[in-house]
């Protein structure tokens, strides 16, 4: 039971943040650069034989990888770059959760505050580190195909429109992620990214978006002590409100 609770709590942050699990090399064949963005189209008969032979989930949607001029241009260019800092809040099964992400050149650090507990996940150099207070345990990421933790990998612009959120009308830009086959709306408040709404209607309220952080941020804190996974799990459960280790 203890392990199931631990796994469930830690998986929440992983599932909410790491939505991309294929490398950029694997997704290259799925990209279709277009001069315009529409939600659906027939296959282009002028494509060569190689393009016609492709069978991808993008066959019914045209996307553009040119973000110039759209309302979310600044935000999407930052989030699809090699470095960004994003802080947001969301709701998980009626419980508020806050996450702060530092992404740098394929490595990622995620600070999570959930159920009165604060912990950190780091994925870098094919290793996962889970940290709480001044202790951590690490595990190798053995699946060679799961080598991308960039939640905004292979984003293509689809369309723009308006949507209602919190009783107010906002403009949005919609994007399609080729690696996951999912859509996201970047909801804008003027020229600021207000929220990201996924196609499961999960809403991430944006608190911070910038790229101003030291590269050392995506690393295990100096002085942290490595412990076994069982030792870590015991402390983790002690931190969760209402849960004991008995």
Protein backbone atom coordinates (compact mmCIF):
# COMPACT_ATOMS: atom_id res chain seq x y z
CA UNK A 1 0.00 0.00 0.00
CA UNK A 2 2.81 2.37 0.91
CA UNK A 3 4.46 1.95 -2.47
CA UNK A 4 1.14 2.49 -4.29
CA UNK A 5 0.54 5.79 -2.48
CA UNK A 6 4.08 6.96 -3.21
CA UNK A 7 3.84 5.98 -6.86
CA UNK A 8 0.49 7.71 -7.27
CA UNK A 9 1.66 10.97 -5.74
CA UNK A 10 4.88 11.10 -7.72
CA UNK A 11 3.14 10.06 -10.93
CA UNK A 12 0.81 13.06 -10.69
CA UNK A 13 3.65 15.48 -11.32
CA UNK A 14 5.17 13.31 -14.02
CA UNK A 15 1.91 12.92 -15.93
CA UNK A 16 0.99 16.57 -15.60
CA UNK A 17 4.33 17.80 -16.82
CA UNK A 18 6.04 15.28 -19.03
CA UNK A 19 3.63 14.76 -21.92
CA UNK A 20 6.25 14.01 -24.55
CA UNK A 21 7.94 10.61 -24.59
CA UNK A 22 9.46 10.33 -28.05
CA UNK A 23 12.72 11.80 -29.22
CA UNK A 24 12.83 14.61 -31.76
CA UNK A 25 14.42 12.22 -34.24
CA UNK A 26 11.42 9.91 -34.03
CA UNK A 27 8.98 12.77 -34.57
CA UNK A 28 10.71 14.40 -37.53
CA UNK A 29 8.82 12.34 -40.09
CA UNK A 30 5.50 13.54 -38.67
CA UNK A 31 6.10 17.26 -39.26
CA UNK A 32 4.35 18.93 -42.18
CA UNK A 33 5.42 22.57 -42.67
CA UNK A 34 2.65 24.67 -44.19
CA UNK A 35 2.21 28.28 -45.16
CA UNK A 36 -1.16 28.48 -43.40
CA UNK A 37 -2.84 26.74 -40.47
CA UNK A 38 -6.28 25.13 -40.69
CA UNK A 39 -7.91 22.54 -38.51
CA UNK A 40 -8.37 20.00 -41.30
CA UNK A 41 -7.38 19.38 -44.89
CA UNK A 42 -7.17 16.72 -47.55
CA UNK A 43 -3.76 15.18 -48.25
CA UNK A 44 -1.66 17.20 -50.70
CA UNK A 45 -1.62 15.35 -54.03
CA UNK A 46 1.57 17.12 -55.03
CA UNK A 47 3.61 15.42 -52.32
CA UNK A 48 6.25 13.04 -53.58
CA UNK A 49 6.03 9.29 -53.11
CA UNK A 50 7.86 9.34 -49.82
CA UNK A 51 5.43 11.86 -48.34
CA UNK A 52 2.44 9.91 -49.64
CA UNK A 53 3.80 6.79 -47.99
CA UNK A 54 3.75 8.44 -44.57
CA UNK A 55 1.02 7.30 -42.19
CA UNK A 56 0.81 9.77 -39.32
CA UNK A 57 -1.74 11.31 -37.01
CA UNK A 58 -1.14 14.67 -38.66
CA UNK A 59 -2.75 13.55 -41.93
CA UNK A 60 -5.98 15.37 -41.03
CA UNK A 61 -4.47 18.54 -39.59
CA UNK A 62 -2.21 21.14 -41.09
CA UNK A 63 0.21 22.87 -38.75
CA UNK A 64 2.74 25.66 -39.08
CA UNK A 65 6.07 25.85 -37.29
CA UNK A 66 6.35 29.56 -38.06
CA UNK A 67 5.01 31.38 -34.99
CA UNK A 68 5.69 34.91 -36.23
CA UNK A 69 2.74 37.26 -35.78
CA UNK A 70 0.45 35.12 -33.62
CA UNK A 71 -0.71 36.41 -30.22
CA UNK A 72 1.33 33.87 -28.27
CA UNK A 73 4.47 34.29 -30.38
CA UNK A 74 6.76 35.26 -27.50
CA UNK A 75 5.45 32.54 -25.17
CA UNK A 76 5.48 29.66 -27.64
CA UNK A 77 8.94 30.54 -28.95
CA UNK A 78 10.29 30.47 -25.41
CA UNK A 79 8.54 27.23 -24.49
CA UNK A 80 9.78 25.47 -27.63
CA UNK A 81 13.36 26.64 -27.08
CA UNK A 82 16.14 24.86 -25.20
CA UNK A 83 15.65 26.90 -22.03
CA UNK A 84 12.59 28.05 -20.13
CA UNK A 85 11.27 28.56 -16.60
CA UNK A 86 7.55 27.99 -16.11
CA UNK A 87 5.48 28.16 -12.94
CA UNK A 88 1.80 27.29 -12.93
CA UNK A 89 -1.03 26.06 -10.75
CA UNK A 90 -3.70 23.53 -11.60
CA UNK A 91 -6.29 21.27 -9.99
CA UNK A 92 -5.86 17.52 -9.53
CA UNK A 93 -8.92 15.61 -8.34
CA UNK A 94 -10.13 18.67 -6.47
CA UNK A 95 -6.75 19.33 -4.88
CA UNK A 96 -4.67 22.40 -5.82
CA UNK A 97 -1.21 21.69 -7.14
CA UNK A 98 1.61 24.10 -7.99
CA UNK A 99 4.54 23.23 -10.24
CA UNK A 100 7.67 25.10 -11.16
CA UNK A 101 9.67 23.84 -14.14
CA UNK A 102 13.22 24.57 -15.21
CA UNK A 103 14.00 23.09 -18.63
CA UNK A 104 17.53 23.24 -20.03
CA UNK A 105 18.94 21.45 -23.09
CA UNK A 106 16.99 18.23 -22.58
CA UNK A 107 17.19 18.17 -18.78
CA UNK A 108 14.31 19.18 -16.54
CA UNK A 109 13.74 20.03 -12.87
CA UNK A 110 10.18 20.07 -11.54
CA UNK A 111 9.33 21.49 -8.13
CA UNK A 112 5.94 20.23 -6.97
CA UNK A 113 3.73 21.45 -4.14
CA UNK A 114 0.81 19.10 -3.60
CA UNK A 115 -1.14 17.85 -0.57
CA UNK A 116 0.95 19.97 1.80
CA UNK A 117 4.11 18.37 0.48
CA UNK A 118 6.95 19.91 -1.49
CA UNK A 119 9.29 17.72 -3.52
CA UNK A 120 11.44 17.85 -6.64
CA UNK A 121 11.91 15.61 -9.66
CA UNK A 122 14.96 15.95 -11.89
CA UNK A 123 15.53 14.13 -15.19
CA UNK A 124 18.98 14.57 -16.69
CA UNK A 125 21.64 12.38 -18.30
CA UNK A 126 19.22 9.44 -18.44
CA UNK A 127 18.80 9.52 -14.66
CA UNK A 128 15.79 10.40 -12.49
CA UNK A 129 16.36 12.09 -9.14
CA UNK A 130 13.56 12.54 -6.61
CA UNK A 131 14.34 15.00 -3.82
CA UNK A 132 12.64 16.02 -0.60
CA UNK A 133 14.24 18.28 1.97
CA UNK A 134 17.95 17.40 1.84
CA UNK A 135 17.73 13.75 0.75
CA UNK A 136 17.19 12.09 -2.62
CA UNK A 137 17.19 8.78 -4.41
CA UNK A 138 18.08 8.20 -8.03
CA UNK A 139 17.08 5.70 -10.68
CA UNK A 140 18.45 5.13 -14.18
CA UNK A 141 16.07 5.81 -17.05
CA UNK A 142 16.68 2.63 -19.00
CA UNK A 143 14.21 3.09 -21.85
CA UNK A 144 16.35 4.57 -24.61
CA UNK A 145 13.28 5.72 -26.57
CA UNK A 146 12.03 7.80 -23.64
CA UNK A 147 14.79 10.35 -23.94
CA UNK A 148 12.78 13.54 -24.21
CA UNK A 149 11.19 15.24 -21.22
CA UNK A 150 10.31 18.40 -23.10
CA UNK A 151 6.56 18.90 -22.65
CA UNK A 152 6.49 21.37 -25.57
CA UNK A 153 8.39 19.25 -28.08
CA UNK A 154 7.09 19.22 -31.67
CA UNK A 155 4.49 21.95 -31.20
CA UNK A 156 2.82 23.19 -34.38
CA UNK A 157 0.40 26.11 -34.69
CA UNK A 158 -3.12 25.19 -35.84
CA UNK A 159 -5.54 28.10 -35.44
CA UNK A 160 -6.68 31.02 -33.30
CA UNK A 161 -10.00 31.94 -31.73
CA UNK A 162 -11.79 33.02 -28.57
CA UNK A 163 -12.79 31.02 -25.50
CA UNK A 164 -14.51 31.55 -22.15
CA UNK A 165 -12.54 31.00 -18.94
CA UNK A 166 -13.40 32.14 -15.42
CA UNK A 167 -16.33 34.15 -16.78
CA UNK A 168 -14.20 36.15 -19.18
CA UNK A 169 -13.52 35.94 -22.92
CA UNK A 170 -9.92 35.45 -24.00
CA UNK A 171 -8.15 35.05 -27.30
CA UNK A 172 -6.21 31.84 -27.80
CA UNK A 173 -3.78 30.16 -30.16
CA UNK A 174 -4.20 26.41 -30.58
CA UNK A 175 -1.27 24.04 -31.08
CA UNK A 176 -0.92 20.40 -32.06
CA UNK A 177 1.84 18.27 -30.53
CA UNK A 178 3.00 15.69 -33.01
CA UNK A 179 4.72 13.45 -30.45
CA UNK A 180 1.54 12.94 -28.43
CA UNK A 181 -1.24 13.65 -30.92
CA UNK A 182 -2.82 16.18 -28.56
CA UNK A 183 -4.01 19.79 -28.76
CA UNK A 184 -3.37 22.70 -26.39
CA UNK A 185 -4.76 26.22 -26.28
CA UNK A 186 -2.49 29.07 -25.23
CA UNK A 187 -5.00 31.46 -23.65
CA UNK A 188 -3.78 35.04 -23.81
CA UNK A 189 -4.49 38.04 -21.59
CA UNK A 190 -3.26 40.80 -23.85
CA UNK A 191 0.32 39.85 -24.73
CA UNK A 192 0.72 37.68 -21.62
CA UNK A 193 0.18 33.93 -21.45
CA UNK A 194 -2.68 33.54 -18.95
CA UNK A 195 -3.29 29.79 -19.10
CA UNK A 196 -2.71 26.63 -21.10
CA UNK A 197 -5.76 24.44 -21.63
CA UNK A 198 -5.15 20.87 -22.75
CA UNK A 199 -7.61 18.83 -24.76
CA UNK A 200 -8.69 16.99 -21.61
CA UNK A 201 -9.78 20.43 -20.30
CA UNK A 202 -7.00 20.55 -17.73
CA UNK A 203 -6.16 24.22 -17.18
CA UNK A 204 -2.69 25.37 -16.15
CA UNK A 205 -2.84 28.92 -14.74
CA UNK A 206 0.46 30.57 -15.61
CA UNK A 207 2.25 32.48 -12.86
CA UNK A 208 5.75 32.85 -14.33
CA UNK A 209 7.30 32.36 -17.75
CA UNK A 210 10.86 33.45 -18.48
CA UNK A 211 14.31 32.09 -19.33
CA UNK A 212 16.25 33.96 -16.65
CA UNK A 213 17.86 31.32 -14.46
CA UNK A 214 21.32 29.96 -13.83
CA UNK A 215 22.16 26.74 -15.65
CA UNK A 216 23.03 25.09 -12.33
CA UNK A 217 19.33 25.12 -11.42
CA UNK A 218 18.80 21.75 -13.17
CA UNK A 219 20.98 19.78 -10.75
CA UNK A 220 20.84 18.08 -7.37
CA UNK A 221 21.37 20.66 -4.61
CA UNK A 222 24.81 20.69 -3.06
CA UNK A 223 24.84 18.89 0.28
CA UNK A 224 21.85 16.66 -0.48
CA UNK A 225 22.28 13.09 0.76
CA UNK A 226 21.51 10.02 -1.34
CA UNK A 227 19.32 7.42 0.39
CA UNK A 228 17.59 4.21 -0.64
CA UNK A 229 14.17 4.34 -2.22
CA UNK A 230 12.60 2.73 0.85
CA UNK A 231 14.14 5.36 3.14
CA UNK A 232 12.89 8.09 0.86
CA UNK A 233 9.39 6.63 0.67
CA UNK A 234 9.13 6.53 4.46
CA UNK A 235 10.00 10.21 4.78
CA UNK A 236 7.74 11.12 1.88
CA UNK A 237 4.72 9.49 3.49
CA UNK A 238 5.45 11.23 6.76
CA UNK A 239 5.21 14.52 4.88
CA UNK A 240 1.81 13.79 3.37
CA UNK A 241 -1.04 15.10 5.49
CA UNK A 242 -3.10 12.39 7.15
CA UNK A 243 -0.83 9.52 6.12
CA UNK A 244 1.29 7.57 8.60
CA UNK A 245 3.91 4.87 8.13
CA UNK A 246 2.26 2.45 10.53
